[in-house]
Amino acid sequence: MHRDRSLPWSAKIPFALAVLCLLAAVASLAELFSARWELLNGEAAALMLLISAVGFAGTGAFPLVISRLMQQDPPRVPPGNQTDAKND
């Protein structure tokens, strides 16, 4: 039986947003936003973006864990739907 090992979309999107926030936090610490957006420049903005990146990563981790648990769990057959080979 083939198991799908790819990430679900509900995990990919928050992980992508976490990477973008992390890159923005690094850019904010490097003062790359000073010319255009002064509010995104400095340590406070970088900390805010870093906390957002951690939050997005946590949001993406939840569906990932649920997906992995579902892949490990064997499919269950309801009691009324079981077929018995002895009755054939």
Protein backbone atom coordinates (compact mmCIF):
# COMPACT_ATOMS: atom_id res chain seq x y z
CA MET A 1 0.00 0.00 0.00
CA HIS A 2 1.46 3.36 -1.07
CA ARG A 3 1.55 6.04 1.59
CA ASP A 4 1.59 9.68 0.53
CA ARG A 5 4.54 11.36 2.28
CA SER A 6 3.95 14.87 0.91
CA LEU A 7 2.82 17.74 3.09
CA PRO A 8 -0.88 18.59 3.08
CA TRP A 9 -1.78 22.02 1.69
CA SER A 10 -3.08 23.05 5.10
CA ALA A 11 0.51 22.69 6.34
CA LYS A 12 2.34 24.05 3.27
CA ILE A 13 0.66 27.44 3.33
CA PRO A 14 1.44 28.31 6.99
CA PHE A 15 5.00 27.00 6.60
CA ALA A 16 5.47 29.24 3.55
CA LEU A 17 4.14 32.21 5.52
CA ALA A 18 6.51 31.34 8.37
CA VAL A 19 9.47 31.42 5.98
CA LEU A 20 8.32 34.78 4.60
CA CYS A 21 7.98 36.22 8.11
CA LEU A 22 11.40 34.88 9.04
CA LEU A 23 12.95 36.48 5.96
CA ALA A 24 11.19 39.75 6.76
CA ALA A 25 12.51 39.58 10.35
CA VAL A 26 16.08 39.18 9.06
CA ALA A 27 15.54 42.04 6.62
CA SER A 28 14.17 44.16 9.43
CA LEU A 29 17.22 43.51 11.60
CA ALA A 30 19.45 44.39 8.65
CA GLU A 31 17.48 47.67 8.31
CA LEU A 32 16.51 46.96 4.71
CA PHE A 33 13.08 48.52 5.25
CA SER A 34 14.43 51.90 6.43
CA ALA A 35 13.98 53.66 3.09
CA ARG A 36 10.37 52.67 2.52
CA TRP A 37 8.65 51.46 5.73
CA GLU A 38 10.03 52.92 8.90
CA LEU A 39 7.65 50.92 11.09
CA LEU A 40 9.19 47.65 9.87
CA ASN A 41 12.69 48.83 10.71
CA GLY A 42 14.35 47.90 13.99
CA GLU A 43 14.47 45.30 16.72
CA ALA A 44 10.83 45.58 17.83
CA ALA A 45 9.54 44.93 14.31
CA ALA A 46 11.97 42.05 13.88
CA LEU A 47 10.78 40.51 17.14
CA MET A 48 7.15 40.88 16.05
CA LEU A 49 7.91 39.20 12.72
CA LEU A 50 9.87 36.43 14.44
CA ILE A 51 6.97 35.72 16.80
CA SER A 52 4.62 35.65 13.79
CA ALA A 53 6.93 33.16 12.05
CA VAL A 54 6.85 30.88 15.09
CA GLY A 55 3.06 31.15 15.20
CA PHE A 56 2.71 30.28 11.52
CA ALA A 57 5.07 27.32 11.93
CA GLY A 58 2.98 26.05 14.85
CA THR A 59 -0.17 26.46 12.80
CA GLY A 60 1.37 24.42 10.00
CA ALA A 61 2.61 21.74 12.36
CA PHE A 62 -0.88 20.84 13.59
CA PRO A 63 -2.29 19.51 10.26
CA LEU A 64 1.07 17.86 9.57
CA VAL A 65 0.88 15.86 12.82
CA ILE A 66 -2.75 14.94 12.17
CA SER A 67 -1.81 13.76 8.66
CA ARG A 68 1.06 11.61 9.98
CA LEU A 69 -1.17 10.06 12.64
CA MET A 70 -3.83 9.23 10.05
CA GLN A 71 -1.19 7.53 7.87
CA GLN A 72 -0.05 5.35 10.78
CA ASP A 73 -3.55 4.36 11.85
CA PRO A 74 -4.86 1.28 10.02
CA PRO A 75 -8.27 1.65 8.37
CA ARG A 76 -11.08 0.38 10.58
CA VAL A 77 -14.07 -1.58 9.37
CA PRO A 78 -17.38 -0.95 11.15
CA PRO A 79 -18.67 -4.08 12.95
CA GLY A 80 -21.70 -4.49 10.64
CA ASN A 81 -19.61 -4.44 7.45
CA GLN A 82 -17.21 -7.27 8.23
CA THR A 83 -17.37 -10.18 5.82
CA ASP A 84 -16.79 -13.66 7.11
CA ALA A 85 -15.10 -16.11 4.75
CA LYS A 86 -16.60 -19.10 6.59
CA ASN A 87 -20.16 -18.24 5.48
CA ASP A 88 -19.34 -18.37 1.72
